[in-house]
């Protein structure tokens, strides 16, 4: 199963009446992977991180928001450590 498909591949275009069978299959496969990714990402995360991206429905965007949050908190920690060392 391509569980990381929703993170690696951008969301396909929305379904319309004029799509092919392969396009429908691709969309359904991506949608299933996206839902599973969201469950996996949000389940073990602390509530403070879920607040960063509470209602987003795209795993790739949620993953990016969480990564950005970690980068910001890591920078704050680094600055604090540098201030302590310089004292």
PDB file of N, CA and C in Angstrom:
ATOM      1  N   UNK A   1       0.844  -1.182   0.000  1.00  0.00           N
ATOM      2  CA  UNK A   1       0.000   0.000   0.000  1.00  0.00           C
ATOM      3  C   UNK A   1       0.887   1.243   0.000  1.00  0.00           C
ATOM      4  N   UNK A   2       0.498   2.223  -0.772  1.00  0.00           N
ATOM      5  CA  UNK A   2       1.217   3.490  -0.859  1.00  0.00           C
ATOM      6  C   UNK A   2       0.724   4.447   0.220  1.00  0.00           C
ATOM      7  N   UNK A   3       1.070   4.172   1.457  1.00  0.00           N
ATOM      8  CA  UNK A   3       0.534   4.970   2.547  1.00  0.00           C
ATOM      9  C   UNK A   3       1.074   6.396   2.534  1.00  0.00           C
ATOM     10  N   UNK A   4       2.254   6.609   1.963  1.00  0.00           N
ATOM     11  CA  UNK A   4       2.822   7.950   1.922  1.00  0.00           C
ATOM     12  C   UNK A   4       2.505   8.693   0.620  1.00  0.00           C
ATOM     13  N   UNK A   5       1.632   8.142  -0.182  1.00  0.00           N
ATOM     14  CA  UNK A   5       1.287   8.745  -1.469  1.00  0.00           C
ATOM     15  C   UNK A   5       0.766  10.169  -1.315  1.00  0.00           C
ATOM     16  N   UNK A   6      -0.049  10.413  -0.311  1.00  0.00           N
ATOM     17  CA  UNK A   6      -0.647  11.738  -0.125  1.00  0.00           C
ATOM     18  C   UNK A   6       0.385  12.780   0.264  1.00  0.00           C
ATOM     19  N   UNK A   7       1.505  12.348   0.819  1.00  0.00           N
ATOM     20  CA  UNK A   7       2.570  13.277   1.180  1.00  0.00           C
ATOM     21  C   UNK A   7       3.509  13.502  -0.003  1.00  0.00           C
ATOM     22  N   UNK A   8       3.741  12.464  -0.778  1.00  0.00           N
ATOM     23  CA  UNK A   8       4.652  12.561  -1.919  1.00  0.00           C
ATOM     24  C   UNK A   8       4.012  13.200  -3.138  1.00  0.00           C
ATOM     25  N   UNK A   9       2.716  13.001  -3.336  1.00  0.00           N
ATOM     26  CA  UNK A   9       2.023  13.424  -4.555  1.00  0.00           C
ATOM     27  C   UNK A   9       0.981  14.478  -4.198  1.00  0.00           C
ATOM     28  N   UNK A  10       0.921  15.541  -4.999  1.00  0.00           N
ATOM     29  CA  UNK A  10      -0.106  16.564  -4.783  1.00  0.00           C
ATOM     30  C   UNK A  10      -1.486  15.977  -5.027  1.00  0.00           C
ATOM     31  N   UNK A  11      -2.480  16.586  -4.405  1.00  0.00           N
ATOM     32  CA  UNK A  11      -3.858  16.114  -4.556  1.00  0.00           C
ATOM     33  C   UNK A  11      -4.288  16.206  -6.017  1.00  0.00           C
ATOM     34  N   UNK A  12      -4.925  15.162  -6.517  1.00  0.00           N
ATOM     35  CA  UNK A  12      -5.417  15.213  -7.902  1.00  0.00           C
ATOM     36  C   UNK A  12      -6.616  16.160  -8.011  1.00  0.00           C
ATOM     37  N   UNK A  13      -6.946  16.497  -9.235  1.00  0.00           N
ATOM     38  CA  UNK A  13      -8.098  17.376  -9.476  1.00  0.00           C
ATOM     39  C   UNK A  13      -9.374  16.719  -8.952  1.00  0.00           C
ATOM     40  N   UNK A  14     -10.323  17.551  -8.586  1.00  0.00           N
ATOM     41  CA  UNK A  14     -11.594  17.037  -8.071  1.00  0.00           C
ATOM     42  C   UNK A  14     -12.300  16.192  -9.136  1.00  0.00           C
ATOM     43  N   UNK A  15     -13.070  15.238  -8.660  1.00  0.00           N
ATOM     44  CA  UNK A  15     -13.789  14.346  -9.575  1.00  0.00           C
ATOM     45  C   UNK A  15     -14.879  15.102 -10.326  1.00  0.00           C
ATOM     46  N   UNK A  16     -14.998  14.778 -11.600  1.00  0.00           N
ATOM     47  CA  UNK A  16     -16.072  15.329 -12.440  1.00  0.00           C
ATOM     48  C   UNK A  16     -16.707  14.178 -13.201  1.00  0.00           C
ATOM     49  N   UNK A  17     -17.714  14.479 -13.974  1.00  0.00           N
ATOM     50  CA  UNK A  17     -18.384  13.447 -14.763  1.00  0.00           C
ATOM     51  C   UNK A  17     -17.515  12.969 -15.926  1.00  0.00           C
ATOM     52  N   UNK A  18     -16.593  13.805 -16.385  1.00  0.00           N
ATOM     53  CA  UNK A  18     -15.822  13.504 -17.593  1.00  0.00           C
ATOM     54  C   UNK A  18     -14.437  12.937 -17.284  1.00  0.00           C
ATOM     55  N   UNK A  19     -14.324  12.128 -16.246  1.00  0.00           N
ATOM     56  CA  UNK A  19     -13.010  11.556 -15.919  1.00  0.00           C
ATOM     57  C   UNK A  19     -12.952  10.106 -16.383  1.00  0.00           C
ATOM     58  N   UNK A  20     -11.741   9.636 -16.536  1.00  0.00           N
ATOM     59  CA  UNK A  20     -11.555   8.252 -16.948  1.00  0.00           C
ATOM     60  C   UNK A  20     -11.560   7.337 -15.735  1.00  0.00           C
ATOM     61  N   UNK A  21     -11.642   6.069 -15.992  1.00  0.00           N
ATOM     62  CA  UNK A  21     -11.618   5.064 -14.922  1.00  0.00           C
ATOM     63  C   UNK A  21     -10.295   5.143 -14.155  1.00  0.00           C
ATOM     64  N   UNK A  22      -9.192   5.323 -14.886  1.00  0.00           N
ATOM     65  CA  UNK A  22      -7.869   5.400 -14.257  1.00  0.00           C
ATOM     66  C   UNK A  22      -7.745   6.636 -13.369  1.00  0.00           C
ATOM     67  N   UNK A  23      -8.311   7.762 -13.821  1.00  0.00           N
ATOM     68  CA  UNK A  23      -8.281   8.980 -13.015  1.00  0.00           C
ATOM     69  C   UNK A  23      -9.083   8.798 -11.729  1.00  0.00           C
ATOM     70  N   UNK A  24     -10.233   8.131 -11.846  1.00  0.00           N
ATOM     71  CA  UNK A  24     -11.055   7.869 -10.653  1.00  0.00           C
ATOM     72  C   UNK A  24     -10.301   6.971  -9.672  1.00  0.00           C
ATOM     73  N   UNK A  25      -9.659   5.932 -10.191  1.00  0.00           N
ATOM     74  CA  UNK A  25      -8.887   5.031  -9.329  1.00  0.00           C
ATOM     75  C   UNK A  25      -7.748   5.768  -8.649  1.00  0.00           C
ATOM     76  N   UNK A  26      -7.060   6.610  -9.405  1.00  0.00           N
ATOM     77  CA  UNK A  26      -5.953   7.381  -8.854  1.00  0.00           C
ATOM     78  C   UNK A  26      -6.434   8.308  -7.747  1.00  0.00           C
ATOM     79  N   UNK A  27      -7.565   8.979  -7.983  1.00  0.00           N
ATOM     80  CA  UNK A  27      -8.120   9.880  -6.984  1.00  0.00           C
ATOM     81  C   UNK A  27      -8.520   9.117  -5.719  1.00  0.00           C
ATOM     82  N   UNK A  28      -9.194   8.001  -5.891  1.00  0.00           N
ATOM     83  CA  UNK A  28      -9.637   7.215  -4.734  1.00  0.00           C
ATOM     84  C   UNK A  28      -8.444   6.669  -3.953  1.00  0.00           C
ATOM     85  N   UNK A  29      -7.394   6.262  -4.653  1.00  0.00           N
ATOM     86  CA  UNK A  29      -6.187   5.768  -3.998  1.00  0.00           C
ATOM     87  C   UNK A  29      -5.530   6.886  -3.196  1.00  0.00           C
ATOM     88  N   UNK A  30      -5.437   8.087  -3.793  1.00  0.00           N
ATOM     89  CA  UNK A  30      -4.838   9.221  -3.092  1.00  0.00           C
ATOM     90  C   UNK A  30      -5.688   9.601  -1.882  1.00  0.00           C
ATOM     91  N   UNK A  31      -7.004   9.631  -2.050  1.00  0.00           N
ATOM     92  CA  UNK A  31      -7.907  10.018  -0.960  1.00  0.00           C
ATOM     93  C   UNK A  31      -7.793   9.046   0.221  1.00  0.00           C
ATOM     94  N   UNK A  32      -7.714   7.750  -0.066  1.00  0.00           N
ATOM     95  CA  UNK A  32      -7.571   6.756   0.997  1.00  0.00           C
ATOM     96  C   UNK A  32      -6.237   6.934   1.721  1.00  0.00           C
ATOM     97  N   UNK A  33      -5.159   7.134   0.957  1.00  0.00           N
ATOM     98  CA  UNK A  33      -3.843   7.357   1.561  1.00  0.00           C
ATOM     99  C   UNK A  33      -3.849   8.629   2.401  1.00  0.00           C
ATOM    100  N   UNK A  34      -4.508   9.680   1.920  1.00  0.00           N
ATOM    101  CA  UNK A  34      -4.580  10.946   2.649  1.00  0.00           C
ATOM    102  C   UNK A  34      -5.288  10.762   3.990  1.00  0.00           C
ATOM    103  N   UNK A  35      -6.413  10.064   3.987  1.00  0.00           N
ATOM    104  CA  UNK A  35      -7.154   9.834   5.232  1.00  0.00           C
ATOM    105  C   UNK A  35      -6.330   9.027   6.228  1.00  0.00           C
ATOM    106  N   UNK A  36      -5.644   8.004   5.734  1.00  0.00           N
ATOM    107  CA  UNK A  36      -4.810   7.184   6.615  1.00  0.00           C
ATOM    108  C   UNK A  36      -3.642   7.994   7.159  1.00  0.00           C
ATOM    109  N   UNK A  37      -3.020   8.803   6.315  1.00  0.00           N
ATOM    110  CA  UNK A  37      -1.917   9.651   6.765  1.00  0.00           C
ATOM    111  C   UNK A  37      -2.375  10.609   7.848  1.00  0.00           C
ATOM    112  N   UNK A  38      -3.546  11.223   7.646  1.00  0.00           N
ATOM    113  CA  UNK A  38      -4.059  12.154   8.648  1.00  0.00           C
ATOM    114  C   UNK A  38      -4.295  11.458   9.982  1.00  0.00           C
ATOM    115  N   UNK A  39      -4.835  10.250   9.955  1.00  0.00           N
ATOM    116  CA  UNK A  39      -5.047   9.507  11.202  1.00  0.00           C
ATOM    117  C   UNK A  39      -3.710   9.206  11.880  1.00  0.00           C
ATOM    118  N   UNK A  40      -2.740   8.786  11.085  1.00  0.00           N
ATOM    119  CA  UNK A  40      -1.430   8.437  11.638  1.00  0.00           C
ATOM    120  C   UNK A  40      -0.718   9.665  12.182  1.00  0.00           C
ATOM    121  N   UNK A  41      -0.796  10.778  11.452  1.00  0.00           N
ATOM    122  CA  UNK A  41      -0.102  11.999  11.876  1.00  0.00           C
ATOM    123  C   UNK A  41      -0.743  12.585  13.127  1.00  0.00           C
ATOM    124  N   UNK A  42      -2.056  12.670  13.147  1.00  0.00           N
ATOM    125  CA  UNK A  42      -2.734  13.361  14.242  1.00  0.00           C
ATOM    126  C   UNK A  42      -2.875  12.522  15.510  1.00  0.00           C
ATOM    127  N   UNK A  43      -2.878  11.219  15.398  1.00  0.00           N
ATOM    128  CA  UNK A  43      -3.123  10.368  16.569  1.00  0.00           C
ATOM    129  C   UNK A  43      -2.100  10.581  17.692  1.00  0.00           C
ATOM    130  N   UNK A  44      -0.797  10.432  17.436  1.00  0.00           N
ATOM    131  CA  UNK A  44       0.143  10.511  18.546  1.00  0.00           C
ATOM    132  C   UNK A  44       0.656  11.919  18.856  1.00  0.00           C
ATOM    133  N   UNK A  45       0.175  12.918  18.167  1.00  0.00           N
ATOM    134  CA  UNK A  45       0.712  14.266  18.329  1.00  0.00           C
ATOM    135  C   UNK A  45       0.072  14.948  19.530  1.00  0.00           C
ATOM    136  N   UNK A  46       0.895  15.699  20.241  1.00  0.00           N
ATOM    137  CA  UNK A  46       0.392  16.451  21.378  1.00  0.00           C
ATOM    138  C   UNK A  46      -0.622  17.486  20.898  1.00  0.00           C
ATOM    139  N   UNK A  47      -1.541  17.839  21.767  1.00  0.00           N
ATOM    140  CA  UNK A  47      -2.602  18.762  21.386  1.00  0.00           C
ATOM    141  C   UNK A  47      -2.065  20.109  20.939  1.00  0.00           C
ATOM    142  N   UNK A  48      -0.948  20.547  21.486  1.00  0.00           N
ATOM    143  CA  UNK A  48      -0.404  21.837  21.070  1.00  0.00           C
ATOM    144  C   UNK A  48      -0.006  21.836  19.604  1.00  0.00           C
ATOM    145  N   UNK A  49       0.456  20.699  19.098  1.00  0.00           N
ATOM    146  CA  UNK A  49       0.825  20.631  17.688  1.00  0.00           C
ATOM    147  C   UNK A  49      -0.390  20.477  16.796  1.00  0.00           C
ATOM    148  N   UNK A  50      -1.419  19.823  17.283  1.00  0.00           N
ATOM    149  CA  UNK A  50      -2.638  19.676  16.489  1.00  0.00           C
ATOM    150  C   UNK A  50      -3.279  21.051  16.303  1.00  0.00           C
ATOM    151  N   UNK A  51      -3.093  21.936  17.262  1.00  0.00           N
ATOM    152  CA  UNK A  51      -3.638  23.287  17.127  1.00  0.00           C
ATOM    153  C   UNK A  51      -2.990  24.043  15.978  1.00  0.00           C
ATOM    154  N   UNK A  52      -1.802  23.643  15.575  1.00  0.00           N
ATOM    155  CA  UNK A  52      -1.124  24.283  14.453  1.00  0.00           C
ATOM    156  C   UNK A  52      -1.920  24.073  13.167  1.00  0.00           C
ATOM    157  N   UNK A  53      -2.483  22.900  12.997  1.00  0.00           N
ATOM    158  CA  UNK A  53      -3.251  22.574  11.791  1.00  0.00           C
ATOM    159  C   UNK A  53      -4.471  21.755  12.169  1.00  0.00           C
ATOM    160  N   UNK A  54      -5.430  22.352  12.862  1.00  0.00           N
ATOM    161  CA  UNK A  54      -6.535  21.575  13.425  1.00  0.00           C
ATOM    162  C   UNK A  54      -7.504  20.975  12.425  1.00  0.00           C
ATOM    163  N   UNK A  55      -7.906  21.716  11.426  1.00  0.00           N
ATOM    164  CA  UNK A  55      -8.970  21.253  10.550  1.00  0.00           C
ATOM    165  C   UNK A  55      -8.534  21.062   9.100  1.00  0.00           C
ATOM    166  N   UNK A  56      -7.254  20.968   8.865  1.00  0.00           N
ATOM    167  CA  UNK A  56      -6.793  20.761   7.498  1.00  0.00           C
ATOM    168  C   UNK A  56      -7.103  19.334   7.075  1.00  0.00           C
ATOM    169  N   UNK A  57      -7.425  19.158   5.808  1.00  0.00           N
ATOM    170  CA  UNK A  57      -7.798  17.831   5.327  1.00  0.00           C
ATOM    171  C   UNK A  57      -6.824  17.295   4.281  1.00  0.00           C
ATOM    172  N   UNK A  58      -5.603  17.839   4.271  1.00  0.00           N
ATOM    173  CA  UNK A  58      -4.583  17.372   3.341  1.00  0.00           C
ATOM    174  C   UNK A  58      -3.346  17.005   4.148  1.00  0.00           C
ATOM    175  N   UNK A  59      -2.968  15.740   4.130  1.00  0.00           N
ATOM    176  CA  UNK A  59      -1.867  15.251   4.956  1.00  0.00           C
ATOM    177  C   UNK A  59      -0.556  15.963   4.644  1.00  0.00           C
ATOM    178  N   UNK A  60      -0.323  16.284   3.395  1.00  0.00           N
ATOM    179  CA  UNK A  60       0.923  16.952   2.997  1.00  0.00           C
ATOM    180  C   UNK A  60       1.027  18.325   3.665  1.00  0.00           C
ATOM    181  N   UNK A  61      -0.082  19.057   3.714  1.00  0.00           N
ATOM    182  CA  UNK A  61      -0.085  20.381   4.338  1.00  0.00           C
ATOM    183  C   UNK A  61       0.056  20.264   5.854  1.00  0.00           C
ATOM    184  N   UNK A  62      -0.640  19.310   6.468  1.00  0.00           N
ATOM    185  CA  UNK A  62      -0.530  19.100   7.913  1.00  0.00           C
ATOM    186  C   UNK A  62       0.914  18.748   8.280  1.00  0.00           C
ATOM    187  N   UNK A  63       1.520  17.857   7.508  1.00  0.00           N
ATOM    188  CA  UNK A  63       2.903  17.443   7.743  1.00  0.00           C
ATOM    189  C   UNK A  63       3.843  18.647   7.657  1.00  0.00           C
ATOM    190  N   UNK A  64       3.630  19.512   6.671  1.00  0.00           N
ATOM    191  CA  UNK A  64       4.455  20.708   6.511  1.00  0.00           C
ATOM    192  C   UNK A  64       4.258  21.677   7.684  1.00  0.00           C
ATOM    193  N   UNK A  65       3.029  21.851   8.139  1.00  0.00           N
ATOM    194  CA  UNK A  65       2.753  22.740   9.276  1.00  0.00           C
ATOM    195  C   UNK A  65       3.431  22.244  10.546  1.00  0.00           C
ATOM    196  N   UNK A  66       3.386  20.951  10.758  1.00  0.00           N
ATOM    197  CA  UNK A  66       4.032  20.374  11.943  1.00  0.00           C
ATOM    198  C   UNK A  66       5.541  20.550  11.856  1.00  0.00           C
ATOM    199  N   UNK A  67       6.106  20.309  10.681  1.00  0.00           N
ATOM    200  CA  UNK A  67       7.537  20.508  10.493  1.00  0.00           C
ATOM    201  C   UNK A  67       7.938  21.949  10.739  1.00  0.00           C
ATOM    202  N   UNK A  68       7.121  22.886  10.256  1.00  0.00           N
ATOM    203  CA  UNK A  68       7.381  24.307  10.466  1.00  0.00           C
ATOM    204  C   UNK A  68       7.322  24.638  11.955  1.00  0.00           C
ATOM    205  N   UNK A  69       6.374  24.042  12.655  1.00  0.00           N
ATOM    206  CA  UNK A  69       6.245  24.267  14.091  1.00  0.00           C
ATOM    207  C   UNK A  69       7.481  23.778  14.828  1.00  0.00           C
ATOM    208  N   UNK A  70       7.994  22.602  14.443  1.00  0.00           N
ATOM    209  CA  UNK A  70       9.203  22.081  15.064  1.00  0.00           C
ATOM    210  C   UNK A  70      10.404  22.965  14.766  1.00  0.00           C
ATOM    211  N   UNK A  71      10.491  23.493  13.551  1.00  0.00           N
ATOM    212  CA  UNK A  71      11.607  24.375  13.198  1.00  0.00           C
ATOM    213  C   UNK A  71      11.584  25.615  14.079  1.00  0.00           C
ATOM    214  N   UNK A  72      10.397  26.194  14.281  1.00  0.00           N
ATOM    215  CA  UNK A  72      10.266  27.386  15.103  1.00  0.00           C
ATOM    216  C   UNK A  72      10.639  27.081  16.551  1.00  0.00           C
ATOM    217  N   UNK A  73      10.133  25.979  17.104  1.00  0.00           N
ATOM    218  CA  UNK A  73      10.438  25.647  18.496  1.00  0.00           C
ATOM    219  C   UNK A  73      11.911  25.286  18.650  1.00  0.00           C
ATOM    220  N   UNK A  74      12.511  24.662  17.630  1.00  0.00           N
ATOM    221  CA  UNK A  74      13.929  24.337  17.676  1.00  0.00           C
ATOM    222  C   UNK A  74      14.780  25.585  17.685  1.00  0.00           C
ATOM    223  N   UNK A  75      14.376  26.597  16.926  1.00  0.00           N
ATOM    224  CA  UNK A  75      15.107  27.857  16.883  1.00  0.00           C
ATOM    225  C   UNK A  75      15.023  28.563  18.231  1.00  0.00           C
ATOM    226  N   UNK A  76      13.862  28.552  18.855  1.00  0.00           N
ATOM    227  CA  UNK A  76      13.688  29.163  20.170  1.00  0.00           C
ATOM    228  C   UNK A  76      14.583  28.458  21.191  1.00  0.00           C
ATOM    229  N   UNK A  77      14.628  27.142  21.142  1.00  0.00           N
ATOM    230  CA  UNK A  77      15.481  26.373  22.052  1.00  0.00           C
ATOM    231  C   UNK A  77      16.952  26.716  21.828  1.00  0.00           C
ATOM    232  N   UNK A  78      17.366  26.810  20.587  1.00  0.00           N
ATOM    233  CA  UNK A  78      18.752  27.141  20.267  1.00  0.00           C
ATOM    234  C   UNK A  78      19.114  28.521  20.792  1.00  0.00           C
ATOM    235  N   UNK A  79      18.244  29.505  20.610  1.00  0.00           N
ATOM    236  CA  UNK A  79      18.501  30.856  21.111  1.00  0.00           C
ATOM    237  C   UNK A  79      18.602  30.853  22.626  1.00  0.00           C
ATOM    238  N   UNK A  80      17.723  30.122  23.292  1.00  0.00           N
ATOM    239  CA  UNK A  80      17.767  30.028  24.755  1.00  0.00           C
ATOM    240  C   UNK A  80      19.081  29.425  25.226  1.00  0.00           C
ATOM    241  N   UNK A  81      19.522  28.362  24.562  1.00  0.00           N
ATOM    242  CA  UNK A  81      20.788  27.730  24.925  1.00  0.00           C
ATOM    243  C   UNK A  81      21.971  28.673  24.704  1.00  0.00           C
ATOM    244  N   UNK A  82      21.945  29.407  23.612  1.00  0.00           N
ATOM    245  CA  UNK A  82      23.019  30.362  23.344  1.00  0.00           C
ATOM    246  C   UNK A  82      23.059  31.467  24.388  1.00  0.00           C
ATOM    247  N   UNK A  83      21.891  31.912  24.823  1.00  0.00           N
ATOM    248  CA  UNK A  83      21.832  32.932  25.868  1.00  0.00           C
ATOM    249  C   UNK A  83      22.392  32.409  27.192  1.00  0.00           C
ATOM    250  N   UNK A  84      22.084  31.163  27.516  1.00  0.00           N
ATOM    251  CA  UNK A  84      22.585  30.555  28.754  1.00  0.00           C
ATOM    252  C   UNK A  84      24.093  30.401  28.695  1.00  0.00           C
ATOM    253  N   UNK A  85      24.622  29.946  27.578  1.00  0.00           N
ATOM    254  CA  UNK A  85      26.062  29.737  27.420  1.00  0.00           C
ATOM    255  C   UNK A  85      26.807  31.069  27.468  1.00  0.00           C
ATOM    256  N   UNK A  86      26.225  32.116  26.937  1.00  0.00           N
ATOM    257  CA  UNK A  86      26.912  33.411  26.883  1.00  0.00           C
ATOM    258  C   UNK A  86      26.935  34.110  28.228  1.00  0.00           C
ATOM    259  N   UNK A  87      26.167  33.649  29.187  1.00  0.00           N
ATOM    260  CA  UNK A  87      26.144  34.290  30.510  1.00  0.00           C
ATOM    261  C   UNK A  87      27.330  33.957  31.291  1.00  0.00           C
TER     262      UNK A  87
END
